Amino acid sequence: MNAIIVGCGKLGSGIALSLVTKGYSVTVIDENEETFELLGKDFAGETMVGIGFDKAILEKAGIKSSDAVIACCKSDVSNALIGRISRNIYRVPHVVSRIYDPRKAQIYQTLGIQTISATTWGIRRIAEILSYSQLDCVTTIGDDNVELIRIEVPALLVNKTVNELSASGEIQVVSITRDFKTFIPTLGTHFQMHDIAYIAVLASSLSRLKSLLGLL
């Protein structure tokens, strides 16, 4: 697959190096040639000096046959513009723009631009860290009678099976996140230390869930 990365800061260079190891053909564009030093001498991709929203530069980089464009310049406006050009003019299948201002990120998403915001991610991550020690309702389903709960598995459940935290028609472990990977467990899956469990539970069975988790 062919990918173009606009902006060779810490994020852009990191993405470029990661994609190369996955077999991508990568071209990195930046206005400042010195930033390419972050890629290292052994970088297997291509580099180009230029303005990332210049269509001549993008075409020279091969945007017409590109599978992905990642815009991660220092400017939200530039990243959004690159995203719109890539999506609307060149019909690139996968386009991502890094946006610093979360309010702008929401606006750009309504325009069909996939965005990532480190600020928004940081806010959510901090909230998650603070909430993992207690029942954290991720969402309610349907008529609010079912809740999806997220919790760090307590010590008393480590090495016990998912079946021991299940109650037919009331409580069901939907997924487990372990070492930054999420999977759907079986009833025989054993919990491990630092697992994050996502549990579907009837609102009327929350007290029972708390009891099984040792929170009562």
N, C-alpha and C. Protein backbone atom coordinates (compact mmCIF):
# COMPACT_ATOMS: atom_id res chain seq x y z
N MET A 1 0.84 -1.20 0.00
CA MET A 1 0.00 0.00 0.00
C MET A 1 0.87 1.25 0.00
N ASN A 2 0.36 2.31 -0.58
CA ASN A 2 1.08 3.57 -0.68
C ASN A 2 0.50 4.60 0.28
N ALA A 3 1.35 5.24 1.05
CA ALA A 3 0.90 6.24 2.01
C ALA A 3 1.74 7.50 1.90
N ILE A 4 1.05 8.64 2.05
CA ILE A 4 1.71 9.94 2.08
C ILE A 4 1.51 10.53 3.46
N ILE A 5 2.60 10.98 4.07
CA ILE A 5 2.53 11.62 5.38
C ILE A 5 3.02 13.05 5.23
N VAL A 6 2.17 13.99 5.63
CA VAL A 6 2.54 15.40 5.53
C VAL A 6 2.84 15.92 6.92
N GLY A 7 4.09 16.29 7.14
CA GLY A 7 4.52 16.74 8.46
C GLY A 7 5.45 15.70 9.07
N CYS A 8 6.69 16.07 9.29
CA CYS A 8 7.66 15.10 9.77
C CYS A 8 8.15 15.47 11.18
N GLY A 9 7.19 15.75 12.05
CA GLY A 9 7.52 15.95 13.45
C GLY A 9 7.61 14.60 14.14
N LYS A 10 7.45 14.60 15.46
CA LYS A 10 7.54 13.34 16.19
C LYS A 10 6.43 12.37 15.78
N LEU A 11 5.22 12.91 15.59
CA LEU A 11 4.11 12.04 15.19
C LEU A 11 4.29 11.54 13.76
N GLY A 12 4.55 12.45 12.84
CA GLY A 12 4.68 12.07 11.44
C GLY A 12 5.81 11.09 11.19
N SER A 13 6.96 11.36 11.79
CA SER A 13 8.10 10.46 11.61
C SER A 13 7.84 9.11 12.24
N GLY A 14 7.17 9.13 13.39
CA GLY A 14 6.85 7.86 14.05
C GLY A 14 5.91 7.01 13.23
N ILE A 15 4.89 7.65 12.64
CA ILE A 15 3.95 6.92 11.79
C ILE A 15 4.67 6.38 10.56
N ALA A 16 5.53 7.20 9.97
CA ALA A 16 6.26 6.79 8.77
C ALA A 16 7.11 5.56 9.04
N LEU A 17 7.86 5.58 10.12
CA LEU A 17 8.72 4.44 10.46
C LEU A 17 7.90 3.19 10.74
N SER A 18 6.74 3.38 11.39
CA SER A 18 5.88 2.24 11.71
C SER A 18 5.30 1.63 10.43
N LEU A 19 4.84 2.47 9.51
CA LEU A 19 4.24 1.97 8.27
C LEU A 19 5.25 1.26 7.39
N VAL A 20 6.47 1.77 7.36
CA VAL A 20 7.52 1.12 6.57
C VAL A 20 7.76 -0.29 7.06
N THR A 21 7.78 -0.47 8.38
CA THR A 21 7.99 -1.82 8.93
C THR A 21 6.84 -2.76 8.58
N LYS A 22 5.68 -2.19 8.27
CA LYS A 22 4.51 -3.00 7.91
C LYS A 22 4.44 -3.25 6.41
N GLY A 23 5.44 -2.76 5.68
CA GLY A 23 5.48 -3.02 4.24
C GLY A 23 4.88 -1.94 3.36
N TYR A 24 4.51 -0.81 3.94
CA TYR A 24 3.95 0.29 3.16
C TYR A 24 5.05 0.97 2.33
N SER A 25 4.64 1.53 1.20
CA SER A 25 5.50 2.42 0.45
C SER A 25 5.16 3.83 0.93
N VAL A 26 6.10 4.50 1.60
CA VAL A 26 5.80 5.75 2.30
C VAL A 26 6.57 6.92 1.71
N THR A 27 5.85 8.04 1.52
CA THR A 27 6.47 9.30 1.13
C THR A 27 6.14 10.34 2.19
N VAL A 28 7.16 11.00 2.71
CA VAL A 28 6.97 12.01 3.76
C VAL A 28 7.25 13.39 3.18
N ILE A 29 6.33 14.32 3.40
CA ILE A 29 6.46 15.69 2.91
C ILE A 29 6.59 16.64 4.09
N ASP A 30 7.53 17.57 4.00
CA ASP A 30 7.66 18.61 5.02
C ASP A 30 8.33 19.83 4.40
N GLU A 31 7.99 21.02 4.92
CA GLU A 31 8.58 22.25 4.41
C GLU A 31 10.04 22.38 4.83
N ASN A 32 10.38 21.76 5.95
CA ASN A 32 11.72 21.88 6.51
C ASN A 32 12.49 20.58 6.32
N GLU A 33 13.51 20.62 5.50
CA GLU A 33 14.29 19.42 5.19
C GLU A 33 14.95 18.82 6.42
N GLU A 34 15.28 19.66 7.40
CA GLU A 34 15.98 19.18 8.59
C GLU A 34 15.14 18.19 9.40
N THR A 35 13.82 18.29 9.28
CA THR A 35 12.96 17.39 10.07
C THR A 35 13.11 15.93 9.65
N PHE A 36 13.60 15.71 8.44
CA PHE A 36 13.76 14.33 7.96
C PHE A 36 14.81 13.56 8.76
N GLU A 37 15.61 14.29 9.52
CA GLU A 37 16.61 13.62 10.36
C GLU A 37 15.95 12.70 11.38
N LEU A 38 14.69 13.01 11.74
CA LEU A 38 13.96 12.17 12.70
C LEU A 38 13.70 10.77 12.15
N LEU A 39 13.77 10.64 10.83
CA LEU A 39 13.50 9.34 10.20
C LEU A 39 14.71 8.41 10.28
N GLY A 40 15.88 8.98 10.50
CA GLY A 40 17.09 8.16 10.56
C GLY A 40 17.68 7.92 9.18
N LYS A 41 18.91 7.52 9.17
CA LYS A 41 19.62 7.32 7.90
C LYS A 41 19.12 6.10 7.12
N ASP A 42 18.52 5.15 7.83
CA ASP A 42 18.12 3.91 7.17
C ASP A 42 16.65 3.90 6.74
N PHE A 43 16.01 5.07 6.75
CA PHE A 43 14.60 5.13 6.36
C PHE A 43 14.42 4.64 4.93
N ALA A 44 13.51 3.67 4.76
CA ALA A 44 13.34 3.03 3.45
C ALA A 44 12.35 3.75 2.55
N GLY A 45 11.68 4.80 3.07
CA GLY A 45 10.71 5.51 2.25
C GLY A 45 11.33 6.69 1.51
N GLU A 46 10.45 7.53 0.95
CA GLU A 46 10.88 8.70 0.21
C GLU A 46 10.57 9.97 1.01
N THR A 47 11.34 11.02 0.77
CA THR A 47 11.09 12.31 1.42
C THR A 47 11.02 13.40 0.35
N MET A 48 10.18 14.40 0.61
CA MET A 48 10.02 15.52 -0.32
C MET A 48 9.90 16.81 0.47
N VAL A 49 10.60 17.84 0.02
CA VAL A 49 10.49 19.15 0.64
C VAL A 49 9.41 19.93 -0.11
N GLY A 50 8.42 20.43 0.63
CA GLY A 50 7.37 21.19 -0.02
C GLY A 50 6.21 21.45 0.90
N ILE A 51 5.25 22.23 0.40
CA ILE A 51 4.04 22.56 1.15
C ILE A 51 3.01 21.46 0.93
N GLY A 52 2.52 20.92 2.01
CA GLY A 52 1.68 19.72 1.94
C GLY A 52 0.33 19.88 1.26
N PHE A 53 -0.18 21.12 1.17
CA PHE A 53 -1.47 21.29 0.50
C PHE A 53 -1.30 21.79 -0.94
N ASP A 54 -0.08 21.82 -1.42
CA ASP A 54 0.20 22.16 -2.81
C ASP A 54 -0.11 20.93 -3.67
N LYS A 55 -1.08 21.05 -4.55
CA LYS A 55 -1.50 19.90 -5.34
C LYS A 55 -0.37 19.37 -6.23
N ALA A 56 0.51 20.25 -6.69
CA ALA A 56 1.64 19.81 -7.52
C ALA A 56 2.57 18.92 -6.70
N ILE A 57 2.78 19.30 -5.44
CA ILE A 57 3.63 18.51 -4.55
C ILE A 57 2.96 17.17 -4.25
N LEU A 58 1.67 17.20 -3.97
CA LEU A 58 0.95 15.97 -3.66
C LEU A 58 0.94 15.02 -4.85
N GLU A 59 0.78 15.56 -6.04
CA GLU A 59 0.77 14.70 -7.23
C GLU A 59 2.16 14.12 -7.49
N LYS A 60 3.19 14.92 -7.23
CA LYS A 60 4.55 14.42 -7.39
C LYS A 60 4.83 13.30 -6.40
N ALA A 61 4.18 13.38 -5.24
CA ALA A 61 4.34 12.35 -4.21
C ALA A 61 3.52 11.10 -4.52
N GLY A 62 2.67 11.19 -5.54
CA GLY A 62 1.90 10.02 -5.97
C GLY A 62 0.53 9.90 -5.35
N ILE A 63 -0.10 11.05 -5.06
CA ILE A 63 -1.40 10.99 -4.39
C ILE A 63 -2.48 10.33 -5.25
N LYS A 64 -2.34 10.38 -6.57
CA LYS A 64 -3.36 9.79 -7.44
C LYS A 64 -3.46 8.28 -7.29
N SER A 65 -2.39 7.67 -6.82
CA SER A 65 -2.42 6.21 -6.60
C SER A 65 -2.21 5.86 -5.13
N SER A 66 -2.39 6.84 -4.27
CA SER A 66 -2.15 6.62 -2.83
C SER A 66 -3.35 5.96 -2.16
N ASP A 67 -3.05 5.09 -1.21
CA ASP A 67 -4.10 4.44 -0.43
C ASP A 67 -4.43 5.20 0.84
N ALA A 68 -3.49 6.03 1.29
CA ALA A 68 -3.70 6.74 2.54
C ALA A 68 -2.91 8.05 2.56
N VAL A 69 -3.51 9.06 3.19
CA VAL A 69 -2.83 10.33 3.44
C VAL A 69 -3.03 10.68 4.91
N ILE A 70 -1.93 10.96 5.59
CA ILE A 70 -1.99 11.36 6.99
C ILE A 70 -1.41 12.76 7.10
N ALA A 71 -2.24 13.71 7.52
CA ALA A 71 -1.80 15.10 7.65
C ALA A 71 -1.53 15.41 9.11
N CYS A 72 -0.27 15.65 9.46
CA CYS A 72 0.08 15.93 10.86
C CYS A 72 1.07 17.08 10.94
N CYS A 73 0.73 18.19 10.26
CA CYS A 73 1.52 19.42 10.36
C CYS A 73 1.23 20.10 11.70
N LYS A 74 1.87 21.24 11.93
CA LYS A 74 1.64 21.98 13.17
C LYS A 74 0.36 22.80 13.12
N SER A 75 -0.20 22.98 11.93
CA SER A 75 -1.37 23.83 11.75
C SER A 75 -2.64 23.02 11.54
N ASP A 76 -3.67 23.28 12.35
CA ASP A 76 -4.96 22.62 12.17
C ASP A 76 -5.54 22.94 10.79
N VAL A 77 -5.43 24.20 10.38
CA VAL A 77 -5.99 24.62 9.11
C VAL A 77 -5.33 23.87 7.95
N SER A 78 -4.00 23.76 8.01
CA SER A 78 -3.29 23.03 6.95
C SER A 78 -3.69 21.57 6.92
N ASN A 79 -3.78 20.95 8.09
CA ASN A 79 -4.15 19.53 8.16
C ASN A 79 -5.55 19.29 7.62
N ALA A 80 -6.46 20.20 7.97
CA ALA A 80 -7.84 20.07 7.48
C ALA A 80 -7.90 20.26 5.97
N LEU A 81 -7.14 21.22 5.47
CA LEU A 81 -7.13 21.49 4.02
C LEU A 81 -6.54 20.31 3.26
N ILE A 82 -5.46 19.76 3.77
CA ILE A 82 -4.86 18.58 3.14
C ILE A 82 -5.85 17.42 3.14
N GLY A 83 -6.57 17.28 4.24
CA GLY A 83 -7.56 16.21 4.33
C GLY A 83 -8.66 16.37 3.30
N ARG A 84 -9.15 17.60 3.14
CA ARG A 84 -10.23 17.85 2.19
C ARG A 84 -9.76 17.66 0.74
N ILE A 85 -8.56 18.13 0.44
CA ILE A 85 -8.02 17.95 -0.91
C ILE A 85 -7.86 16.46 -1.22
N SER A 86 -7.32 15.73 -0.26
CA SER A 86 -7.09 14.29 -0.48
C SER A 86 -8.38 13.53 -0.66
N ARG A 87 -9.37 13.87 0.16
CA ARG A 87 -10.65 13.16 0.12
C ARG A 87 -11.51 13.58 -1.06
N ASN A 88 -11.67 14.90 -1.24
CA ASN A 88 -12.65 15.40 -2.21
C ASN A 88 -12.13 15.48 -3.63
N ILE A 89 -10.84 15.77 -3.80
CA ILE A 89 -10.30 15.91 -5.16
C ILE A 89 -9.68 14.61 -5.67
N TYR A 90 -8.88 13.96 -4.81
CA TYR A 90 -8.16 12.77 -5.26
C TYR A 90 -8.79 11.46 -4.80
N ARG A 91 -9.85 11.55 -4.01
CA ARG A 91 -10.60 10.36 -3.59
C ARG A 91 -9.72 9.30 -2.93
N VAL A 92 -8.80 9.75 -2.10
CA VAL A 92 -7.93 8.81 -1.37
C VAL A 92 -8.80 8.03 -0.37
N PRO A 93 -8.70 6.71 -0.35
CA PRO A 93 -9.58 5.89 0.51
C PRO A 93 -9.45 6.18 2.00
N HIS A 94 -8.23 6.38 2.47
CA HIS A 94 -8.01 6.58 3.90
C HIS A 94 -7.30 7.91 4.14
N VAL A 95 -8.00 8.83 4.79
CA VAL A 95 -7.45 10.15 5.06
C VAL A 95 -7.63 10.48 6.54
N VAL A 96 -6.54 10.87 7.18
CA VAL A 96 -6.59 11.24 8.59
C VAL A 96 -5.87 12.57 8.80
N SER A 97 -6.52 13.48 9.52
CA SER A 97 -5.91 14.77 9.82
C SER A 97 -5.79 14.95 11.32
N ARG A 98 -4.59 15.30 11.79
CA ARG A 98 -4.39 15.57 13.21
C ARG A 98 -4.86 16.99 13.51
N ILE A 99 -5.75 17.13 14.48
CA ILE A 99 -6.29 18.43 14.85
C ILE A 99 -6.02 18.68 16.33
N TYR A 100 -5.42 19.82 16.65
CA TYR A 100 -5.14 20.13 18.05
C TYR A 100 -6.39 20.57 18.81
N ASP A 101 -7.21 21.39 18.18
CA ASP A 101 -8.40 21.93 18.83
C ASP A 101 -9.55 20.95 18.70
N PRO A 102 -10.02 20.33 19.80
CA PRO A 102 -11.09 19.33 19.70
C PRO A 102 -12.39 19.90 19.15
N ARG A 103 -12.62 21.19 19.33
CA ARG A 103 -13.85 21.79 18.78
C ARG A 103 -13.79 21.81 17.25
N LYS A 104 -12.61 22.11 16.72
CA LYS A 104 -12.45 22.08 15.27
C LYS A 104 -12.53 20.65 14.74
N ALA A 105 -12.03 19.70 15.52
CA ALA A 105 -12.05 18.31 15.09
C ALA A 105 -13.47 17.85 14.82
N GLN A 106 -14.39 18.24 15.68
CA GLN A 106 -15.79 17.85 15.50
C GLN A 106 -16.37 18.47 14.24
N ILE A 107 -16.00 19.73 13.97
CA ILE A 107 -16.50 20.41 12.77
C ILE A 107 -15.98 19.72 11.52
N TYR A 108 -14.68 19.41 11.51
CA TYR A 108 -14.09 18.78 10.33
C TYR A 108 -14.65 17.38 10.10
N GLN A 109 -14.99 16.68 11.17
CA GLN A 109 -15.56 15.35 11.01
C GLN A 109 -16.91 15.41 10.32
N THR A 110 -17.68 16.48 10.57
CA THR A 110 -18.96 16.63 9.89
C THR A 110 -18.77 16.88 8.40
N LEU A 111 -17.57 17.31 8.02
CA LEU A 111 -17.26 17.53 6.60
C LEU A 111 -16.68 16.28 5.95
N GLY A 112 -16.64 15.19 6.69
CA GLY A 112 -16.18 13.93 6.14
C GLY A 112 -14.70 13.68 6.30
N ILE A 113 -14.03 14.48 7.14
CA ILE A 113 -12.59 14.30 7.35
C ILE A 113 -12.38 13.54 8.65
N GLN A 114 -11.69 12.39 8.57
CA GLN A 114 -11.36 11.64 9.77
C GLN A 114 -10.26 12.39 10.53
N THR A 115 -10.52 12.69 11.79
CA THR A 115 -9.55 13.46 12.56
C THR A 115 -9.11 12.71 13.81
N ILE A 116 -7.92 13.07 14.28
CA ILE A 116 -7.47 12.61 15.59
C ILE A 116 -7.04 13.84 16.38
N SER A 117 -7.38 13.86 17.65
CA SER A 117 -7.04 15.00 18.50
C SER A 117 -6.35 14.49 19.75
N ALA A 118 -5.08 14.85 19.91
CA ALA A 118 -4.33 14.42 21.09
C ALA A 118 -4.97 14.99 22.36
N THR A 119 -5.54 16.18 22.26
CA THR A 119 -6.19 16.79 23.41
C THR A 119 -7.39 15.97 23.86
N THR A 120 -8.24 15.62 22.89
CA THR A 120 -9.43 14.83 23.21
C THR A 120 -9.03 13.46 23.74
N TRP A 121 -8.04 12.84 23.09
CA TRP A 121 -7.59 11.53 23.55
C TRP A 121 -7.06 11.61 24.97
N GLY A 122 -6.30 12.66 25.26
CA GLY A 122 -5.72 12.81 26.59
C GLY A 122 -6.79 12.97 27.65
N ILE A 123 -7.82 13.77 27.35
CA ILE A 123 -8.92 13.97 28.30
C ILE A 123 -9.61 12.64 28.59
N ARG A 124 -9.90 11.90 27.53
CA ARG A 124 -10.58 10.61 27.71
C ARG A 124 -9.72 9.62 28.48
N ARG A 125 -8.41 9.61 28.15
CA ARG A 125 -7.52 8.65 28.80
C ARG A 125 -7.38 8.92 30.29
N ILE A 126 -7.26 10.20 30.65
CA ILE A 126 -7.16 10.56 32.07
C ILE A 126 -8.44 10.17 32.79
N ALA A 127 -9.59 10.42 32.16
CA ALA A 127 -10.87 10.06 32.76
C ALA A 127 -10.96 8.55 32.96
N GLU A 128 -10.45 7.80 31.96
CA GLU A 128 -10.47 6.34 32.07
C GLU A 128 -9.60 5.86 33.24
N ILE A 129 -8.40 6.44 33.34
CA ILE A 129 -7.49 6.03 34.41
C ILE A 129 -8.11 6.28 35.78
N LEU A 130 -8.78 7.42 35.92
CA LEU A 130 -9.38 7.76 37.20
C LEU A 130 -10.61 6.92 37.51
N SER A 131 -11.23 6.38 36.47
CA SER A 131 -12.49 5.66 36.68
C SER A 131 -12.32 4.15 36.76
N TYR A 132 -11.15 3.62 36.41
CA TYR A 132 -10.98 2.18 36.36
C TYR A 132 -11.10 1.51 37.73
N SER A 133 -10.93 2.27 38.80
CA SER A 133 -11.01 1.67 40.13
C SER A 133 -12.45 1.50 40.60
N GLN A 134 -13.41 1.96 39.83
CA GLN A 134 -14.80 1.82 40.20
C GLN A 134 -15.61 1.47 38.96
N LEU A 135 -16.90 1.21 39.16
CA LEU A 135 -17.74 0.92 38.01
C LEU A 135 -17.86 2.16 37.14
N ASP A 136 -17.56 2.02 35.88
CA ASP A 136 -17.58 3.13 34.95
C ASP A 136 -18.55 2.79 33.83
N CYS A 137 -19.69 3.46 33.80
CA CYS A 137 -20.70 3.18 32.77
C CYS A 137 -20.27 3.83 31.46
N VAL A 138 -19.95 3.00 30.46
CA VAL A 138 -19.55 3.49 29.16
C VAL A 138 -20.75 4.00 28.38
N THR A 139 -21.85 3.24 28.43
CA THR A 139 -23.06 3.64 27.71
C THR A 139 -24.24 2.83 28.23
N THR A 140 -25.42 3.32 27.94
CA THR A 140 -26.64 2.57 28.22
C THR A 140 -27.22 2.12 26.89
N ILE A 141 -27.95 1.02 26.90
CA ILE A 141 -28.46 0.43 25.67
C ILE A 141 -29.98 0.38 25.69
N GLY A 142 -30.57 0.72 24.54
CA GLY A 142 -32.03 0.63 24.41
C GLY A 142 -32.75 1.56 25.35
N ASP A 143 -33.58 1.00 26.21
CA ASP A 143 -34.39 1.80 27.13
C ASP A 143 -33.66 2.07 28.44
N ASP A 144 -32.34 2.01 28.40
CA ASP A 144 -31.49 2.26 29.57
C ASP A 144 -31.56 1.15 30.60
N ASN A 145 -32.16 0.02 30.23
CA ASN A 145 -32.26 -1.09 31.17
C ASN A 145 -30.98 -1.91 31.21
N VAL A 146 -30.14 -1.74 30.19
CA VAL A 146 -28.86 -2.45 30.13
C VAL A 146 -27.73 -1.43 30.09
N GLU A 147 -26.70 -1.64 30.89
CA GLU A 147 -25.54 -0.75 30.92
C GLU A 147 -24.29 -1.52 30.51
N LEU A 148 -23.38 -0.82 29.83
CA LEU A 148 -22.08 -1.40 29.52
C LEU A 148 -21.08 -0.79 30.50
N ILE A 149 -20.54 -1.65 31.35
CA ILE A 149 -19.65 -1.22 32.42
C ILE A 149 -18.21 -1.55 32.07
N ARG A 150 -17.30 -0.65 32.40
CA ARG A 150 -15.88 -0.88 32.21
C ARG A 150 -15.20 -0.82 33.58
N ILE A 151 -14.35 -1.81 33.85
CA ILE A 151 -13.68 -1.82 35.14
C ILE A 151 -12.38 -2.60 35.07
N GLU A 152 -11.38 -2.17 35.83
CA GLU A 152 -10.16 -2.95 35.96
C GLU A 152 -10.47 -4.14 36.85
N VAL A 153 -10.13 -5.33 36.39
CA VAL A 153 -10.45 -6.54 37.12
C VAL A 153 -9.78 -6.51 38.50
N PRO A 154 -10.55 -6.65 39.57
CA PRO A 154 -9.98 -6.62 40.92
C PRO A 154 -9.14 -7.86 41.21
N ALA A 155 -8.27 -7.74 42.20
CA ALA A 155 -7.33 -8.83 42.52
C ALA A 155 -8.04 -10.14 42.83
N LEU A 156 -9.22 -10.08 43.44
CA LEU A 156 -9.90 -11.31 43.84
C LEU A 156 -10.37 -12.15 42.66
N LEU A 157 -10.42 -11.52 41.45
CA LEU A 157 -10.86 -12.25 40.26
C LEU A 157 -9.70 -12.72 39.38
N VAL A 158 -8.49 -12.28 39.70
CA VAL A 158 -7.32 -12.68 38.90
C VAL A 158 -7.17 -14.21 38.96
N ASN A 159 -7.01 -14.81 37.80
CA ASN A 159 -6.89 -16.27 37.61
C ASN A 159 -8.23 -17.00 37.68
N LYS A 160 -9.30 -16.27 37.94
CA LYS A 160 -10.62 -16.89 37.89
C LYS A 160 -11.18 -16.75 36.48
N THR A 161 -12.21 -17.53 36.15
CA THR A 161 -12.74 -17.53 34.79
C THR A 161 -13.85 -16.51 34.60
N VAL A 162 -14.09 -16.18 33.34
CA VAL A 162 -15.17 -15.27 32.99
C VAL A 162 -16.51 -15.82 33.49
N ASN A 163 -16.64 -17.14 33.47
CA ASN A 163 -17.88 -17.77 33.91
C ASN A 163 -18.23 -17.39 35.36
N GLU A 164 -17.19 -17.14 36.16
CA GLU A 164 -17.43 -16.79 37.56
C GLU A 164 -17.89 -15.35 37.74
N LEU A 165 -17.85 -14.57 36.66
CA LEU A 165 -18.36 -13.20 36.69
C LEU A 165 -19.56 -13.06 35.77
N SER A 166 -20.24 -14.16 35.54
CA SER A 166 -21.39 -14.16 34.63
C SER A 166 -22.63 -14.64 35.36
N ALA A 167 -23.76 -14.11 34.92
CA ALA A 167 -25.05 -14.55 35.44
C ALA A 167 -26.02 -14.53 34.27
N SER A 168 -26.53 -15.68 33.91
CA SER A 168 -27.37 -15.81 32.72
C SER A 168 -28.51 -14.80 32.72
N GLY A 169 -28.58 -14.01 31.63
CA GLY A 169 -29.65 -13.03 31.50
C GLY A 169 -29.47 -11.78 32.32
N GLU A 170 -28.36 -11.70 33.08
CA GLU A 170 -28.15 -10.53 33.94
C GLU A 170 -26.80 -9.86 33.74
N ILE A 171 -25.75 -10.68 33.71
CA ILE A 171 -24.39 -10.15 33.66
C ILE A 171 -23.58 -10.94 32.64
N GLN A 172 -22.93 -10.24 31.72
CA GLN A 172 -22.13 -10.93 30.70
C GLN A 172 -20.89 -10.10 30.38
N VAL A 173 -19.71 -10.73 30.42
CA VAL A 173 -18.46 -10.07 30.04
C VAL A 173 -18.41 -10.02 28.51
N VAL A 174 -18.42 -8.82 27.96
CA VAL A 174 -18.48 -8.64 26.51
C VAL A 174 -17.09 -8.70 25.89
N SER A 175 -16.11 -8.06 26.52
CA SER A 175 -14.75 -8.06 25.99
C SER A 175 -13.76 -7.77 27.10
N ILE A 176 -12.50 -8.06 26.81
CA ILE A 176 -11.40 -7.80 27.75
C ILE A 176 -10.28 -7.10 27.00
N THR A 177 -9.74 -6.06 27.59
CA THR A 177 -8.56 -5.39 27.04
C THR A 177 -7.36 -5.80 27.88
N ARG A 178 -6.35 -6.35 27.21
CA ARG A 178 -5.16 -6.85 27.89
C ARG A 178 -3.93 -6.48 27.06
N ASP A 179 -3.00 -5.82 27.68
CA ASP A 179 -1.77 -5.39 26.98
C ASP A 179 -2.11 -4.61 25.71
N PHE A 180 -3.10 -3.69 25.84
CA PHE A 180 -3.49 -2.78 24.76
C PHE A 180 -4.19 -3.49 23.59
N LYS A 181 -4.59 -4.75 23.79
CA LYS A 181 -5.33 -5.48 22.77
C LYS A 181 -6.67 -5.93 23.35
N THR A 182 -7.72 -5.82 22.57
CA THR A 182 -9.06 -6.16 23.03
C THR A 182 -9.55 -7.41 22.32
N PHE A 183 -10.16 -8.32 23.07
CA PHE A 183 -10.67 -9.55 22.47
C PHE A 183 -11.97 -9.96 23.16
N ILE A 184 -12.71 -10.86 22.51
CA ILE A 184 -13.96 -11.39 23.06
C ILE A 184 -13.63 -12.69 23.79
N PRO A 185 -13.87 -12.75 25.08
CA PRO A 185 -13.49 -13.93 25.85
C PRO A 185 -14.52 -15.04 25.75
N THR A 186 -14.11 -16.26 26.12
CA THR A 186 -15.03 -17.38 26.29
C THR A 186 -15.32 -17.49 27.78
N LEU A 187 -16.25 -18.33 28.14
CA LEU A 187 -16.57 -18.52 29.56
C LEU A 187 -15.38 -19.10 30.32
N GLY A 188 -14.48 -19.76 29.59
CA GLY A 188 -13.33 -20.38 30.24
C GLY A 188 -12.09 -19.49 30.28
N THR A 189 -12.18 -18.28 29.72
CA THR A 189 -11.05 -17.36 29.75
C THR A 189 -10.72 -16.95 31.18
N HIS A 190 -9.45 -16.98 31.53
CA HIS A 190 -9.03 -16.58 32.87
C HIS A 190 -8.65 -15.09 32.88
N PHE A 191 -9.11 -14.39 33.90
CA PHE A 191 -8.73 -13.00 34.08
C PHE A 191 -7.27 -12.91 34.50
N GLN A 192 -6.60 -11.85 34.06
CA GLN A 192 -5.22 -11.59 34.47
C GLN A 192 -5.12 -10.22 35.12
N MET A 193 -4.05 -10.00 35.86
CA MET A 193 -3.82 -8.72 36.50
C MET A 193 -3.79 -7.61 35.45
N HIS A 194 -4.44 -6.50 35.76
CA HIS A 194 -4.52 -5.30 34.91
C HIS A 194 -5.45 -5.46 33.71
N ASP A 195 -6.20 -6.56 33.63
CA ASP A 195 -7.23 -6.67 32.58
C ASP A 195 -8.28 -5.58 32.77
N ILE A 196 -8.78 -5.05 31.66
CA ILE A 196 -9.92 -4.15 31.70
C ILE A 196 -11.10 -4.90 31.11
N ALA A 197 -12.14 -5.10 31.91
CA ALA A 197 -13.29 -5.88 31.47
C ALA A 197 -14.45 -4.94 31.10
N TYR A 198 -15.12 -5.26 30.00
CA TYR A 198 -16.32 -4.56 29.59
C TYR A 198 -17.49 -5.52 29.82
N ILE A 199 -18.42 -5.09 30.66
CA ILE A 199 -19.46 -6.00 31.13
C ILE A 199 -20.84 -5.42 30.84
N ALA A 200 -21.69 -6.20 30.18
CA ALA A 200 -23.09 -5.81 29.98
C ALA A 200 -23.89 -6.31 31.17
N VAL A 201 -24.66 -5.42 31.78
CA VAL A 201 -25.39 -5.78 33.00
C VAL A 201 -26.75 -5.10 33.03
N LEU A 202 -27.75 -5.83 33.50
CA LEU A 202 -29.05 -5.23 33.72
C LEU A 202 -28.93 -4.19 34.83
N ALA A 203 -29.62 -3.07 34.67
CA ALA A 203 -29.58 -2.03 35.69
C ALA A 203 -30.01 -2.58 37.04
N SER A 204 -30.94 -3.52 37.00
CA SER A 204 -31.46 -4.10 38.25
C SER A 204 -30.47 -5.07 38.89
N SER A 205 -29.38 -5.40 38.16
CA SER A 205 -28.42 -6.38 38.68
C SER A 205 -27.07 -5.74 39.05
N LEU A 206 -27.04 -4.42 39.13
CA LEU A 206 -25.79 -3.74 39.46
C LEU A 206 -25.27 -4.12 40.84
N SER A 207 -26.16 -4.27 41.76
CA SER A 207 -25.73 -4.65 43.12
C SER A 207 -25.10 -6.03 43.11
N ARG A 208 -25.67 -6.94 42.30
CA ARG A 208 -25.11 -8.28 42.22
C ARG A 208 -23.74 -8.23 41.59
N LEU A 209 -23.56 -7.39 40.56
CA LEU A 209 -22.26 -7.26 39.91
C LEU A 209 -21.23 -6.72 40.91
N LYS A 210 -21.61 -5.72 41.67
CA LYS A 210 -20.71 -5.14 42.65
C LYS A 210 -20.29 -6.20 43.67
N SER A 211 -21.23 -7.06 44.02
CA SER A 211 -20.92 -8.12 44.98
C SER A 211 -19.90 -9.10 44.40
N LEU A 212 -20.10 -9.47 43.11
CA LEU A 212 -19.16 -10.39 42.46
C LEU A 212 -17.77 -9.79 42.31
N LEU A 213 -17.74 -8.46 42.19
CA LEU A 213 -16.46 -7.77 42.05
C LEU A 213 -15.82 -7.43 43.38
N GLY A 214 -16.55 -7.69 44.45
CA GLY A 214 -16.03 -7.40 45.78
C GLY A 214 -16.08 -5.92 46.12
N LEU A 215 -17.01 -5.20 45.51
CA LEU A 215 -17.12 -3.75 45.76
C LEU A 215 -18.15 -3.41 46.81
N LEU A 216 -18.85 -4.40 47.34
CA LEU A 216 -19.85 -4.14 48.39
C LEU A 216 -19.26 -4.45 49.77
